[in-house]
Structure formats: structure tokens, C-alpha cells
């Protein structure tokens, strides 16, 4: 019987690319899981989102940006679940909506 090789887990700094060769994201893997600060990009090169991971799950503040680079949302995670304040901004930077989440459930508007 043929034995399969153990799957090699990603470790170290990572850069991933879209099919056209433009940068998709950057970050770090430890034992195959995302850790630390990760940045995600749009095909036009602008930042799409950034935030931290802990053991492969979103953890802490994340920021999302529009295609033109303007801030769109700020949200918080704890162990991969929305947790804490969540804010959505208009194109002029004015706060449109504000929420508070606890374990992915909206508890306050």
C-alpha cells in the first residue's frame, strides 16, 4: 500500500498574487495558520483590508477600504467572530452607522 506524504504546512512570511501577477495579500503563516498583521489588496494595488490574525482567526481591529483608498469600515474580532465596536463611514469620512457585536451577534446600534 502506498503511503501518502504528510501535507506540508505553510510557515513564514507570505505573499500571494492574483492570476494577473498583482499582489493579493501579505502576511505570515505559522504551522499553516495566519498570524500577525495581514494586508489584502485590490487589483489596482490599493489596500482593501488589513488586520491581525491569531491562530488562523481574525483577532482585533480590522479596517476595510474602498477602491479609491478611502476608509469604509472598522470592525473588531475576537477569535474569528465580530466582537466589539463596528463603524461604517461615508466617502467623506462621516460616520454612517455604528454597531456593537458580541460573538457575531449585533447587541447595540
C-alpha atoms as a PDB file:
ATOM      1  CA  UNK A   1       0.000   0.000   0.000  1.00  0.00           C
ATOM      2  CA  UNK A   2       1.304   3.431  -0.937  1.00  0.00           C
ATOM      3  CA  UNK A   3       1.757   5.872   1.939  1.00  0.00           C
ATOM      4  CA  UNK A   4       0.844   9.468   1.378  1.00  0.00           C
ATOM      5  CA  UNK A   5       3.270  12.166   2.391  1.00  0.00           C
ATOM      6  CA  UNK A   6       2.183  14.411   5.220  1.00  0.00           C
ATOM      7  CA  UNK A   7       0.848  17.699   3.916  1.00  0.00           C
ATOM      8  CA  UNK A   8       3.414  20.444   4.298  1.00  0.00           C
ATOM      9  CA  UNK A   9       2.053  23.412   6.257  1.00  0.00           C
ATOM     10  CA  UNK A  10       2.953  26.942   5.302  1.00  0.00           C
ATOM     11  CA  UNK A  11       5.415  28.681   7.607  1.00  0.00           C
ATOM     12  CA  UNK A  12       6.960  32.124   7.396  1.00  0.00           C
ATOM     13  CA  UNK A  13       6.258  35.294   5.504  1.00  0.00           C
ATOM     14  CA  UNK A  14       3.792  35.010   2.653  1.00  0.00           C
ATOM     15  CA  UNK A  15       2.973  36.973  -0.461  1.00  0.00           C
ATOM     16  CA  UNK A  16       0.111  35.774  -2.613  1.00  0.00           C
ATOM     17  CA  UNK A  17      -0.778  37.069  -6.054  1.00  0.00           C
ATOM     18  CA  UNK A  18      -3.791  37.373  -8.342  1.00  0.00           C
ATOM     19  CA  UNK A  19      -3.680  35.458 -11.650  1.00  0.00           C
ATOM     20  CA  UNK A  20      -2.501  38.642 -13.411  1.00  0.00           C
ATOM     21  CA  UNK A  21       0.547  38.815 -11.117  1.00  0.00           C
ATOM     22  CA  UNK A  22      -0.587  41.736  -8.966  1.00  0.00           C
ATOM     23  CA  UNK A  23      -0.203  41.430  -5.204  1.00  0.00           C
ATOM     24  CA  UNK A  24      -3.245  39.921  -3.446  1.00  0.00           C
ATOM     25  CA  UNK A  25      -2.116  39.751   0.176  1.00  0.00           C
ATOM     26  CA  UNK A  26       0.830  39.675   2.549  1.00  0.00           C
ATOM     27  CA  UNK A  27       1.254  38.211   6.000  1.00  0.00           C
ATOM     28  CA  UNK A  28       2.758  35.368   7.959  1.00  0.00           C
ATOM     29  CA  UNK A  29       1.908  31.708   8.478  1.00  0.00           C
ATOM     30  CA  UNK A  30       2.830  29.615  11.500  1.00  0.00           C
ATOM     31  CA  UNK A  31       2.049  25.903  11.178  1.00  0.00           C
ATOM     32  CA  UNK A  32      -0.305  26.636   8.292  1.00  0.00           C
ATOM     33  CA  UNK A  33      -2.328  29.314  10.093  1.00  0.00           C
ATOM     34  CA  UNK A  34      -2.372  33.062   9.547  1.00  0.00           C
ATOM     35  CA  UNK A  35      -0.813  35.041  12.394  1.00  0.00           C
ATOM     36  CA  UNK A  36       0.003  38.696  12.985  1.00  0.00           C
ATOM     37  CA  UNK A  37      -0.753  41.553  10.624  1.00  0.00           C
ATOM     38  CA  UNK A  38      -2.170  40.686   7.209  1.00  0.00           C
ATOM     39  CA  UNK A  39      -2.825  43.120   4.365  1.00  0.00           C
ATOM     40  CA  UNK A  40      -5.188  42.418   1.473  1.00  0.00           C
ATOM     41  CA  UNK A  41      -5.027  44.359  -1.781  1.00  0.00           C
ATOM     42  CA  UNK A  42      -7.285  45.220  -4.687  1.00  0.00           C
ATOM     43  CA  UNK A  43      -6.156  44.525  -8.242  1.00  0.00           C
ATOM     44  CA  UNK A  44      -5.481  48.253  -8.667  1.00  0.00           C
ATOM     45  CA  UNK A  45      -2.821  47.983  -5.915  1.00  0.00           C
ATOM     46  CA  UNK A  46      -4.777  49.868  -3.250  1.00  0.00           C
ATOM     47  CA  UNK A  47      -5.208  48.379   0.185  1.00  0.00           C
ATOM     48  CA  UNK A  48      -8.552  46.530   0.516  1.00  0.00           C
ATOM     49  CA  UNK A  49      -8.279  45.480   4.180  1.00  0.00           C
ATOM     50  CA  UNK A  50      -5.818  44.994   6.995  1.00  0.00           C
ATOM     51  CA  UNK A  51      -5.994  43.301  10.347  1.00  0.00           C
ATOM     52  CA  UNK A  52      -4.450  40.798  12.685  1.00  0.00           C
ATOM     53  CA  UNK A  53      -4.870  37.059  12.926  1.00  0.00           C
ATOM     54  CA  UNK A  54      -4.291  34.752  15.851  1.00  0.00           C
ATOM     55  CA  UNK A  55      -4.064  31.006  15.144  1.00  0.00           C
ATOM     56  CA  UNK A  56      -5.758  31.496  11.762  1.00  0.00           C
ATOM     57  CA  UNK A  57      -8.689  33.585  13.019  1.00  0.00           C
ATOM     58  CA  UNK A  58      -9.353  37.309  12.771  1.00  0.00           C
ATOM     59  CA  UNK A  59      -8.474  38.891  16.092  1.00  0.00           C
ATOM     60  CA  UNK A  60      -8.542  42.593  16.962  1.00  0.00           C
ATOM     61  CA  UNK A  61      -9.245  45.588  14.757  1.00  0.00           C
ATOM     62  CA  UNK A  62      -9.723  45.225  11.007  1.00  0.00           C
ATOM     63  CA  UNK A  63     -10.026  48.088   8.533  1.00  0.00           C
ATOM     64  CA  UNK A  64     -11.603  47.945   5.069  1.00  0.00           C
ATOM     65  CA  UNK A  65     -11.070  50.460   2.306  1.00  0.00           C
ATOM     66  CA  UNK A  66     -12.888  51.466  -0.863  1.00  0.00           C
ATOM     67  CA  UNK A  67     -11.296  51.097  -4.311  1.00  0.00           C
ATOM     68  CA  UNK A  68     -10.195  54.725  -4.191  1.00  0.00           C
ATOM     69  CA  UNK A  69      -8.359  54.117  -0.892  1.00  0.00           C
ATOM     70  CA  UNK A  70     -10.840  55.839   1.428  1.00  0.00           C
ATOM     71  CA  UNK A  71     -11.737  54.182   4.714  1.00  0.00           C
ATOM     72  CA  UNK A  72     -15.024  52.265   4.548  1.00  0.00           C
ATOM     73  CA  UNK A  73     -15.337  50.204   7.755  1.00  0.00           C
ATOM     74  CA  UNK A  74     -13.582  49.497  11.035  1.00  0.00           C
ATOM     75  CA  UNK A  75     -14.553  46.392  12.950  1.00  0.00           C
ATOM     76  CA  UNK A  76     -13.274  44.233  15.777  1.00  0.00           C
ATOM     77  CA  UNK A  77     -12.953  40.476  16.055  1.00  0.00           C
ATOM     78  CA  UNK A  78     -12.262  38.032  18.837  1.00  0.00           C
ATOM     79  CA  UNK A  79     -11.293  34.504  17.822  1.00  0.00           C
ATOM     80  CA  UNK A  80     -12.818  34.938  14.349  1.00  0.00           C
ATOM     81  CA  UNK A  81     -16.140  36.421  15.486  1.00  0.00           C
ATOM     82  CA  UNK A  82     -17.318  40.019  15.304  1.00  0.00           C
ATOM     83  CA  UNK A  83     -16.849  41.369  18.786  1.00  0.00           C
ATOM     84  CA  UNK A  84     -16.914  44.990  19.895  1.00  0.00           C
ATOM     85  CA  UNK A  85     -17.463  48.237  18.005  1.00  0.00           C
ATOM     86  CA  UNK A  86     -18.127  48.258  14.271  1.00  0.00           C
ATOM     87  CA  UNK A  87     -18.237  51.510  12.299  1.00  0.00           C
ATOM     88  CA  UNK A  88     -19.174  52.292   8.688  1.00  0.00           C
ATOM     89  CA  UNK A  89     -18.149  55.576   7.067  1.00  0.00           C
ATOM     90  CA  UNK A  90     -19.336  57.513   4.012  1.00  0.00           C
ATOM     91  CA  UNK A  91     -16.985  58.747   1.269  1.00  0.00           C
ATOM     92  CA  UNK A  92     -16.323  61.980   3.163  1.00  0.00           C
ATOM     93  CA  UNK A  93     -15.253  60.153   6.320  1.00  0.00           C
ATOM     94  CA  UNK A  94     -18.501  60.842   8.177  1.00  0.00           C
ATOM     95  CA  UNK A  95     -19.771  58.040  10.415  1.00  0.00           C
ATOM     96  CA  UNK A  96     -22.858  56.456   8.789  1.00  0.00           C
ATOM     97  CA  UNK A  97     -23.585  53.540  11.109  1.00  0.00           C
ATOM     98  CA  UNK A  98     -22.224  52.244  14.370  1.00  0.00           C
ATOM     99  CA  UNK A  99     -22.851  48.838  15.897  1.00  0.00           C
ATOM    100  CA  UNK A 100     -21.608  46.737  18.784  1.00  0.00           C
ATOM    101  CA  UNK A 101     -21.251  42.994  18.327  1.00  0.00           C
ATOM    102  CA  UNK A 102     -20.757  40.163  20.762  1.00  0.00           C
ATOM    103  CA  UNK A 103     -19.842  36.767  19.323  1.00  0.00           C
ATOM    104  CA  UNK A 104     -21.166  37.685  15.844  1.00  0.00           C
ATOM    105  CA  UNK A 105     -24.484  38.999  17.185  1.00  0.00           C
ATOM    106  CA  UNK A 106     -25.431  42.650  16.990  1.00  0.00           C
ATOM    107  CA  UNK A 107     -26.206  43.767  20.531  1.00  0.00           C
ATOM    108  CA  UNK A 108     -26.324  47.539  20.123  1.00  0.00           C
ATOM    109  CA  UNK A 109     -26.888  50.031  17.349  1.00  0.00           C
END
